[in-house]
C-alpha atoms as a PDB file:
ATOM      1  CA  UNK A   1      -2.543  -8.384   4.901  1.00  0.00           C
ATOM      2  CA  UNK A   2      -5.396  -6.056   6.385  1.00  0.00           C
ATOM      3  CA  UNK A   3      -7.363  -4.471   4.259  1.00  0.00           C
ATOM      4  CA  UNK A   4      -5.598  -1.050   2.500  1.00  0.00           C
ATOM      5  CA  UNK A   5      -9.427   0.859   3.213  1.00  0.00           C
ATOM      6  CA  UNK A   6      -9.069  -0.278   6.677  1.00  0.00           C
ATOM      7  CA  UNK A   7      -5.283   1.158   7.111  1.00  0.00           C
ATOM      8  CA  UNK A   8      -6.233   4.085   5.652  1.00  0.00           C
ATOM      9  CA  UNK A   9      -9.455   4.244   8.122  1.00  0.00           C
ATOM     10  CA  UNK A  10      -7.055   3.905  11.417  1.00  0.00           C
ATOM     11  CA  UNK A  11      -4.673   6.506   9.600  1.00  0.00           C
ATOM     12  CA  UNK A  12      -7.598   9.229   8.863  1.00  0.00           C
ATOM     13  CA  UNK A  13      -8.675   8.843  12.935  1.00  0.00           C
ATOM     14  CA  UNK A  14      -5.569   8.506  14.692  1.00  0.00           C
ATOM     15  CA  UNK A  15      -3.682  11.431  12.565  1.00  0.00           C
ATOM     16  CA  UNK A  16      -5.458  15.012  13.819  1.00  0.00           C
ATOM     17  CA  UNK A  17      -2.819  16.870  11.318  1.00  0.00           C
ATOM     18  CA  UNK A  18      -4.278  17.253   7.998  1.00  0.00           C
ATOM     19  CA  UNK A  19      -0.519  17.576   6.788  1.00  0.00           C
ATOM     20  CA  UNK A  20       1.250  14.403   8.626  1.00  0.00           C
ATOM     21  CA  UNK A  21      -2.161  12.322   7.705  1.00  0.00           C
ATOM     22  CA  UNK A  22      -1.924  13.080   4.135  1.00  0.00           C
ATOM     23  CA  UNK A  23       2.305  12.434   4.165  1.00  0.00           C
ATOM     24  CA  UNK A  24       0.773   8.758   6.064  1.00  0.00           C
ATOM     25  CA  UNK A  25      -1.754   7.991   3.496  1.00  0.00           C
ATOM     26  CA  UNK A  26       0.341   8.415   0.649  1.00  0.00           C
ATOM     27  CA  UNK A  27       3.185   6.488   1.620  1.00  0.00           C
ATOM     28  CA  UNK A  28       1.091   3.912   2.857  1.00  0.00           C
ATOM     29  CA  UNK A  29      -0.210   4.017  -0.890  1.00  0.00           C
ATOM     30  CA  UNK A  30       3.541   3.588  -2.556  1.00  0.00           C
ATOM     31  CA  UNK A  31       3.733   0.713  -0.409  1.00  0.00           C
ATOM     32  CA  UNK A  32       0.870  -0.684  -1.192  1.00  0.00           C
ATOM     33  CA  UNK A  33       1.030  -0.205  -5.232  1.00  0.00           C
ATOM     34  CA  UNK A  34       4.712  -1.526  -4.605  1.00  0.00           C
ATOM     35  CA  UNK A  35       3.679  -5.113  -2.926  1.00  0.00           C
ATOM     36  CA  UNK A  36       1.190  -4.949  -5.943  1.00  0.00           C
ATOM     37  CA  UNK A  37       4.030  -4.221  -8.498  1.00  0.00           C
ATOM     38  CA  UNK A  38       5.978  -6.793  -7.144  1.00  0.00           C
ATOM     39  CA  UNK A  39       3.225  -9.639  -7.081  1.00  0.00           C
ATOM     40  CA  UNK A  40       2.463  -8.975 -10.868  1.00  0.00           C
ATOM     41  CA  UNK A  41       6.284  -9.363 -11.600  1.00  0.00           C
ATOM     42  CA  UNK A  42       6.241 -12.329  -9.765  1.00  0.00           C
ATOM     43  CA  UNK A  43       3.907 -13.967 -11.801  1.00  0.00           C
ATOM     44  CA  UNK A  44       4.749 -12.971 -14.806  1.00  0.00           C
ATOM     45  CA  UNK A  45       8.273 -14.352 -13.746  1.00  0.00           C
ATOM     46  CA  UNK A  46       6.927 -17.573 -12.729  1.00  0.00           C
ATOM     47  CA  UNK A  47       5.938 -19.011 -16.636  1.00  0.00           C
ATOM     48  CA  UNK A  48       9.586 -17.483 -17.830  1.00  0.00           C
ATOM     49  CA  UNK A  49      11.467 -19.487 -15.523  1.00  0.00           C
ATOM     50  CA  UNK A  50       9.973 -22.717 -16.354  1.00  0.00           C
END
């Protein structure tokens, strides 16, 4: 998994339109947050299922 900072930097470098850049960054943050919440719920579920 690439670093969130690396992905943000790539988006900022490649997107000249500020509004499009903001939208892409927002989508990246939602995706990243969703992945983290999913991992946390999995970790919480493992002991319960045992």
